[in-house]
Amino acid sequence: MNTVISDPGGTPGQQKESDTGIIAQGLARSFGTVQAVQSIDFRAAPGEVTALIGPNGSGKTTLLLMLASLLRPDAGTIRIQGLDPAGDPRAVRALLGWMPDTLSVWESLSSREILTTVAALYGIGKTQARMRAAELLEVVNLGQLADTPARVLSRGQAQRLSLARALINDPAVLLLDEPAGGLDPGARVQLRTLLRQLADSGKTVVISSHVLVELDEMADAAVFLSKGRTVRSQRLAEVSPQGRGYTISSLDLDALRRGLEANSLDASYEPNMENTGGLAKVKLPGEMQAAALLGLLVGAGVPITAFAPSSGLLEETYLSLEDEMP
């Protein structure tokens, strides 16, 4: 995926904080007797990628639908660039790019025709629509399939077309529900790069995904949900100081055990049945302590073969929140 041309539309410093990005407070939404969202507060700032994280049934998709003005909340308030989706959905939709987890398309139309048709719905003229469609098809690497009927697209190709459709109006706010679904590894890397570029251009980017490792590499902030409630809102820069689990592999497990005990560290151990090596898992306060421990172990002659975090930053936080989740 190549760089997409966009215009962030003004200087953020010229707007009030309440008029930029997304601010949602006290959201609730029920479907009959099922309360999908009970109490969600959500904030996403322009120029950033905000990750929306939670297990199935936590309310992520319902929240995104409310932000996209496709569902009206039973309670609470939403402001998109200072506008109320419930009170003025037309104005809000002009600012939004919405990518659902599955793409519904006109199967007989080509990718180019789908994009130009959607552009027309936004009031974009024919000439500009053709130019924009051609640009976005190259951005999502569908240029060679521009005139192929959508019904023959693979799952990954349909996802890329869905992203192009969400970008057709050059939105200020981008809402993405599982955007990496069906993408191959190379396309996932390109997606991460593109979304980072879009955020850096000043757009507000919100992503719901189960692949937390990928979010680690592009998110600036995260909002954790459980059973329709906000459990925590956190910036990625705040995650590391909380402490992380590290996995240490060694050719000599006994030497590794002695080295950790000498530094008063509790650890769990897993021997390698084929030799005297194995691994230990230990919790450390931060990267500086991890670097210091590695130096001490190597200095003590412990044959270390691997020393790395046991999980990503967001996964670490998510697992630590399980006890707090309602």
Protein backbone atom coordinates (compact mmCIF):
# COMPACT_ATOMS: atom_id res chain seq x y z
CA MET A 1 0.00 0.00 0.00
CA ASN A 2 1.37 3.37 -1.04
CA THR A 3 1.01 6.75 0.59
CA VAL A 4 -2.43 8.31 0.25
CA ILE A 5 -2.76 12.00 -0.50
CA SER A 6 -4.80 13.77 2.16
CA ASP A 7 -5.47 17.21 3.55
CA PRO A 8 -5.79 17.33 7.32
CA GLY A 9 -7.78 20.52 6.93
CA GLY A 10 -6.42 23.27 9.10
CA THR A 11 -4.17 23.64 12.09
CA PRO A 12 -5.21 21.65 15.19
CA GLY A 13 -4.11 24.52 17.40
CA GLN A 14 -6.82 26.70 15.88
CA GLN A 15 -9.59 24.47 17.27
CA LYS A 16 -10.84 23.82 20.75
CA GLU A 17 -10.04 20.39 22.12
CA SER A 18 -13.77 19.62 22.34
CA ASP A 19 -14.11 20.31 18.59
CA THR A 20 -11.46 17.85 17.46
CA GLY A 21 -11.33 14.08 17.28
CA ILE A 22 -13.89 11.97 19.14
CA ILE A 23 -15.30 12.44 22.61
CA ALA A 24 -17.97 10.05 23.93
CA GLN A 25 -19.29 10.00 27.49
CA GLY A 26 -21.67 7.74 29.38
CA LEU A 27 -22.76 5.73 26.35
CA ALA A 28 -25.38 3.00 26.73
CA ARG A 29 -27.20 0.91 24.15
CA SER A 30 -29.54 -2.08 24.46
CA PHE A 31 -31.05 -4.48 21.96
CA GLY A 32 -34.23 -5.69 23.59
CA THR A 33 -33.21 -7.28 26.88
CA VAL A 34 -29.54 -7.42 25.90
CA GLN A 35 -27.49 -4.45 27.10
CA ALA A 36 -24.60 -4.36 24.63
CA VAL A 37 -23.13 -1.13 26.01
CA GLN A 38 -23.65 -0.12 29.63
CA SER A 39 -21.26 2.74 30.37
CA ILE A 40 -18.54 3.64 27.90
CA ASP A 41 -16.37 6.74 27.92
CA PHE A 42 -14.15 7.08 24.86
CA ARG A 43 -11.67 9.65 23.58
CA ALA A 44 -9.65 9.60 20.36
CA ALA A 45 -7.40 12.51 19.47
CA PRO A 46 -6.52 13.77 15.98
CA GLY A 47 -3.08 12.83 14.75
CA GLU A 48 -3.20 9.55 16.68
CA VAL A 49 -4.13 5.91 16.26
CA THR A 50 -6.42 4.82 19.11
CA ALA A 51 -6.86 1.08 19.66
CA LEU A 52 -10.20 -0.30 20.85
CA ILE A 53 -9.56 -3.54 22.75
CA GLY A 54 -11.79 -6.08 24.42
CA PRO A 55 -13.06 -9.67 24.19
CA ASN A 56 -15.96 -10.72 21.99
CA GLY A 57 -19.18 -9.25 23.34
CA SER A 58 -17.44 -6.34 25.07
CA GLY A 59 -19.30 -3.73 22.99
CA LYS A 60 -16.59 -2.74 20.51
CA THR A 61 -18.66 -3.03 17.33
CA THR A 62 -21.73 -1.44 18.95
CA LEU A 63 -19.56 1.49 20.04
CA LEU A 64 -18.15 1.89 16.53
CA LEU A 65 -21.65 1.81 15.03
CA MET A 66 -22.74 4.57 17.41
CA LEU A 67 -19.65 6.64 16.58
CA ALA A 68 -20.39 6.13 12.88
CA SER A 69 -23.96 7.49 13.40
CA LEU A 70 -25.43 4.13 12.38
CA LEU A 71 -26.87 3.46 15.85
CA ARG A 72 -28.38 5.99 18.21
CA PRO A 73 -27.24 5.60 21.85
CA ASP A 74 -29.91 5.10 24.50
CA ALA A 75 -27.93 7.37 26.82
CA GLY A 76 -24.78 9.44 26.75
CA THR A 77 -23.24 11.93 24.32
CA ILE A 78 -20.96 11.70 21.28
CA ARG A 79 -19.08 14.49 19.58
CA ILE A 80 -17.24 13.95 16.29
CA GLN A 81 -15.18 17.03 15.48
CA GLY A 82 -17.58 18.86 17.80
CA LEU A 83 -20.71 17.56 16.01
CA ASP A 84 -23.45 15.32 17.39
CA PRO A 85 -24.04 12.19 15.23
CA ALA A 86 -27.58 11.84 16.59
CA GLY A 87 -28.50 15.47 15.95
CA ASP A 88 -26.70 16.01 12.66
CA PRO A 89 -25.79 12.61 11.13
CA ARG A 90 -25.38 14.03 7.62
CA ALA A 91 -22.68 16.47 8.68
CA VAL A 92 -20.90 13.83 10.76
CA ARG A 93 -20.93 11.26 7.96
CA ALA A 94 -19.25 13.78 5.66
CA LEU A 95 -16.29 13.75 8.09
CA LEU A 96 -16.16 9.99 8.61
CA GLY A 97 -14.55 7.02 6.93
CA TRP A 98 -16.19 3.77 8.07
CA MET A 99 -14.72 0.30 7.46
CA PRO A 100 -16.90 -2.52 8.86
CA ASP A 101 -15.47 -5.95 9.62
CA THR A 102 -17.09 -7.37 6.47
CA LEU A 103 -17.55 -5.57 3.18
CA SER A 104 -20.94 -5.57 1.46
CA VAL A 105 -20.50 -4.66 -2.20
CA TRP A 106 -22.37 -4.50 -5.45
CA GLU A 107 -20.94 -7.77 -6.74
CA SER A 108 -21.46 -7.03 -10.42
CA LEU A 109 -19.61 -3.71 -10.22
CA SER A 110 -15.85 -3.40 -10.51
CA SER A 111 -13.68 -1.96 -7.75
CA ARG A 112 -13.36 1.27 -9.74
CA GLU A 113 -17.13 1.53 -10.23
CA ILE A 114 -17.78 0.92 -6.53
CA LEU A 115 -15.44 3.70 -5.51
CA THR A 116 -16.77 6.21 -8.05
CA THR A 117 -20.34 5.36 -7.01
CA VAL A 118 -19.55 5.93 -3.34
CA ALA A 119 -17.76 9.16 -4.27
CA ALA A 120 -20.93 10.35 -6.02
CA LEU A 121 -22.89 9.71 -2.82
CA TYR A 122 -20.53 12.15 -1.10
CA GLY A 123 -21.20 14.75 -3.81
CA ILE A 124 -17.79 14.38 -5.44
CA GLY A 125 -17.79 15.30 -9.14
CA LYS A 126 -17.19 12.65 -11.81
CA THR A 127 -13.72 13.79 -12.82
CA GLN A 128 -12.48 14.12 -9.24
CA ALA A 129 -14.15 10.81 -8.34
CA ARG A 130 -12.31 8.98 -11.12
CA MET A 131 -9.01 10.51 -10.03
CA ARG A 132 -9.63 9.71 -6.38
CA ALA A 133 -10.65 6.13 -7.17
CA ALA A 134 -7.56 5.55 -9.31
CA GLU A 135 -5.34 6.99 -6.57
CA LEU A 136 -6.86 4.84 -3.82
CA LEU A 137 -6.79 1.66 -5.90
CA GLU A 138 -3.04 2.13 -6.22
CA VAL A 139 -2.75 2.92 -2.51
CA VAL A 140 -4.36 -0.43 -1.57
CA ASN A 141 -2.59 -2.35 -4.36
CA LEU A 142 -5.73 -3.10 -6.35
CA GLY A 143 -4.75 -1.18 -9.47
CA GLN A 144 -4.50 -4.33 -11.59
CA LEU A 145 -7.95 -5.42 -10.41
CA ALA A 146 -9.61 -2.03 -10.87
CA ASP A 147 -12.00 -3.27 -13.56
CA THR A 148 -12.56 -6.77 -12.17
CA PRO A 149 -16.04 -7.55 -10.78
CA ALA A 150 -16.05 -7.37 -6.97
CA ARG A 151 -17.56 -10.86 -6.69
CA VAL A 152 -14.22 -12.45 -7.66
CA LEU A 153 -12.16 -10.62 -5.04
CA SER A 154 -10.58 -12.68 -2.27
CA ARG A 155 -11.27 -11.90 1.39
CA GLY A 156 -8.03 -9.92 1.65
CA GLN A 157 -8.68 -8.02 -1.59
CA ALA A 158 -12.20 -7.17 -0.42
CA GLN A 159 -10.72 -5.81 2.81
CA ARG A 160 -8.39 -3.57 0.85
CA LEU A 161 -11.29 -2.35 -1.27
CA SER A 162 -13.23 -1.65 1.93
CA LEU A 163 -10.37 0.50 3.20
CA ALA A 164 -10.24 2.41 -0.09
CA ARG A 165 -14.00 2.97 0.14
CA ALA A 166 -13.59 4.35 3.68
CA LEU A 167 -10.98 6.83 2.40
CA ILE A 168 -12.87 8.03 -0.68
CA ASN A 169 -14.07 11.27 0.95
CA ASP A 170 -10.68 12.02 2.56
CA PRO A 171 -12.23 11.74 6.05
CA ALA A 172 -11.00 13.57 9.12
CA VAL A 173 -12.02 10.60 11.29
CA LEU A 174 -11.44 6.96 10.32
CA LEU A 175 -13.26 4.09 12.09
CA LEU A 176 -11.91 0.61 11.35
CA ASP A 177 -13.42 -2.66 12.61
CA GLU A 178 -10.91 -5.53 12.26
CA PRO A 179 -9.20 -4.00 9.19
CA ALA A 180 -6.47 -6.66 8.97
CA GLY A 181 -8.88 -9.61 8.66
CA GLY A 182 -7.97 -11.77 5.66
CA LEU A 183 -4.80 -9.85 4.82
CA ASP A 184 -1.57 -11.69 4.16
CA PRO A 185 1.54 -10.77 6.23
CA GLY A 186 2.89 -8.36 3.63
CA ALA A 187 -0.44 -6.55 3.32
CA ARG A 188 -0.66 -6.30 7.13
CA VAL A 189 2.68 -4.52 7.23
CA GLN A 190 1.55 -2.15 4.48
CA LEU A 191 -1.71 -1.49 6.34
CA ARG A 192 0.17 -0.57 9.52
CA THR A 193 2.38 1.83 7.57
CA LEU A 194 -0.58 3.44 5.81
CA LEU A 195 -2.60 3.93 8.99
CA ARG A 196 0.38 5.47 10.71
CA GLN A 197 0.79 7.87 7.78
CA LEU A 198 -2.89 8.80 7.92
CA ALA A 199 -2.65 9.57 11.63
CA ASP A 200 0.53 11.55 11.13
CA SER A 201 -1.30 13.66 8.54
CA GLY A 202 -3.71 14.78 11.28
CA LYS A 203 -6.55 12.28 10.98
CA THR A 204 -8.24 10.64 13.96
CA VAL A 205 -7.83 6.88 13.46
CA VAL A 206 -9.72 4.33 15.60
CA ILE A 207 -9.03 0.61 15.19
CA SER A 208 -10.79 -2.35 16.76
CA SER A 209 -8.69 -5.50 16.47
CA HIS A 210 -7.99 -8.79 18.22
CA VAL A 211 -4.38 -8.78 16.96
CA LEU A 212 -2.78 -6.86 19.81
CA VAL A 213 0.80 -7.29 18.59
CA GLU A 214 -0.05 -5.34 15.44
CA LEU A 215 -1.68 -2.58 17.48
CA ASP A 216 1.50 -2.32 19.56
CA GLU A 217 3.35 -1.24 16.45
CA MET A 218 1.05 1.60 15.41
CA ALA A 219 -1.21 2.72 18.28
CA ASP A 220 -0.65 5.83 20.36
CA ALA A 221 -3.44 5.14 22.85
CA ALA A 222 -5.78 2.31 23.81
CA VAL A 223 -9.25 2.01 25.34
CA PHE A 224 -10.04 -1.33 27.00
CA LEU A 225 -13.65 -2.53 27.15
CA SER A 226 -15.34 -5.38 28.99
CA LYS A 227 -19.05 -6.25 29.14
CA GLY A 228 -20.05 -2.90 27.69
CA ARG A 229 -17.94 -0.79 30.04
CA THR A 230 -14.71 1.16 29.79
CA VAL A 231 -12.14 -0.59 31.98
CA ARG A 232 -9.14 1.62 31.22
CA SER A 233 -7.98 4.33 28.84
CA GLN A 234 -4.25 4.48 28.42
CA ARG A 235 -1.49 5.92 26.31
CA LEU A 236 1.05 3.44 25.02
CA ALA A 237 3.87 5.47 26.57
CA GLU A 238 2.34 4.70 29.98
CA VAL A 239 2.32 0.93 29.52
CA SER A 240 6.01 0.15 29.82
CA PRO A 241 6.60 1.54 33.35
CA GLN A 242 3.96 -0.82 34.73
CA GLY A 243 6.25 -3.81 34.45
CA ARG A 244 6.35 -6.62 31.94
CA GLY A 245 6.92 -10.31 31.80
CA TYR A 246 10.15 -11.46 30.16
CA THR A 247 11.14 -14.88 28.85
CA ILE A 248 14.80 -15.81 29.22
CA SER A 249 16.23 -18.86 27.45
CA SER A 250 19.54 -20.43 28.41
CA LEU A 251 21.66 -23.43 27.50
CA ASP A 252 22.12 -24.08 31.23
CA LEU A 253 18.91 -23.84 33.21
CA ASP A 254 20.60 -24.40 36.58
CA ALA A 255 23.01 -21.54 35.92
CA LEU A 256 20.07 -19.33 34.92
CA ARG A 257 18.22 -20.28 38.11
CA ARG A 258 21.23 -19.39 40.24
CA GLY A 259 21.65 -16.08 38.42
CA LEU A 260 18.04 -15.05 38.98
CA GLU A 261 18.04 -16.15 42.61
CA ALA A 262 21.24 -14.17 43.19
CA ASN A 263 19.31 -11.09 42.07
CA SER A 264 16.34 -11.97 44.34
CA LEU A 265 14.00 -12.57 41.41
CA ASP A 266 11.13 -15.03 41.48
CA ALA A 267 10.64 -16.94 38.25
CA SER A 268 8.89 -19.93 36.74
CA TYR A 269 11.05 -22.44 34.89
CA GLU A 270 10.53 -24.78 31.96
CA PRO A 271 13.31 -27.29 31.26
CA ASN A 272 14.25 -28.41 27.78
CA MET A 273 13.89 -32.19 27.77
CA GLU A 274 16.57 -32.61 25.10
CA ASN A 275 19.42 -30.99 27.05
CA THR A 276 20.24 -29.07 30.22
CA GLY A 277 18.82 -25.85 28.87
CA GLY A 278 15.41 -24.30 29.30
CA LEU A 279 13.69 -21.03 29.93
CA ALA A 280 12.55 -18.84 32.81
CA LYS A 281 9.72 -16.33 32.97
CA VAL A 282 10.19 -13.34 35.23
CA LYS A 283 8.40 -10.02 35.87
CA LEU A 284 10.54 -6.88 35.63
CA PRO A 285 9.62 -3.23 36.31
CA GLY A 286 10.83 -1.87 32.97
CA GLU A 287 13.31 -1.91 30.11
CA MET A 288 16.16 -0.42 32.11
CA GLN A 289 15.89 -3.22 34.69
CA ALA A 290 15.68 -5.79 31.90
CA ALA A 291 18.84 -4.47 30.27
CA ALA A 292 20.64 -4.45 33.62
CA LEU A 293 19.59 -8.04 34.39
CA LEU A 294 20.76 -9.26 30.99
CA GLY A 295 24.14 -7.66 31.59
CA LEU A 296 24.43 -9.29 35.05
CA LEU A 297 23.52 -12.75 33.74
CA VAL A 298 25.94 -12.57 30.84
CA GLY A 299 28.62 -11.19 33.16
CA ALA A 300 28.05 -14.17 35.48
CA GLY A 301 28.69 -16.57 32.61
CA VAL A 302 25.08 -17.71 32.12
CA PRO A 303 24.74 -18.84 28.46
CA ILE A 304 21.74 -16.78 27.35
CA THR A 305 20.22 -17.61 23.95
CA ALA A 306 17.14 -15.35 24.08
CA PHE A 307 15.89 -12.51 26.28
CA ALA A 308 12.65 -10.80 25.25
CA PRO A 309 9.23 -9.65 26.49
CA SER A 310 6.82 -12.57 26.83
CA SER A 311 4.05 -10.56 25.17
CA GLY A 312 3.31 -7.19 23.60
CA LEU A 313 2.60 -4.05 25.61
CA LEU A 314 -1.14 -4.07 24.99
CA GLU A 315 -1.46 -7.79 25.61
CA GLU A 316 0.42 -7.33 28.88
CA THR A 317 -1.99 -4.62 29.97
CA TYR A 318 -5.02 -6.58 28.80
CA LEU A 319 -3.99 -9.65 30.80
CA SER A 320 -3.27 -7.52 33.88
CA LEU A 321 -6.82 -6.09 33.66
CA GLU A 322 -8.61 -9.44 33.69
CA ASP A 323 -9.12 -9.29 37.46
CA GLU A 324 -10.55 -5.76 37.19
CA MET A 325 -13.03 -6.61 34.44
CA PRO A 326 -16.66 -6.78 35.60
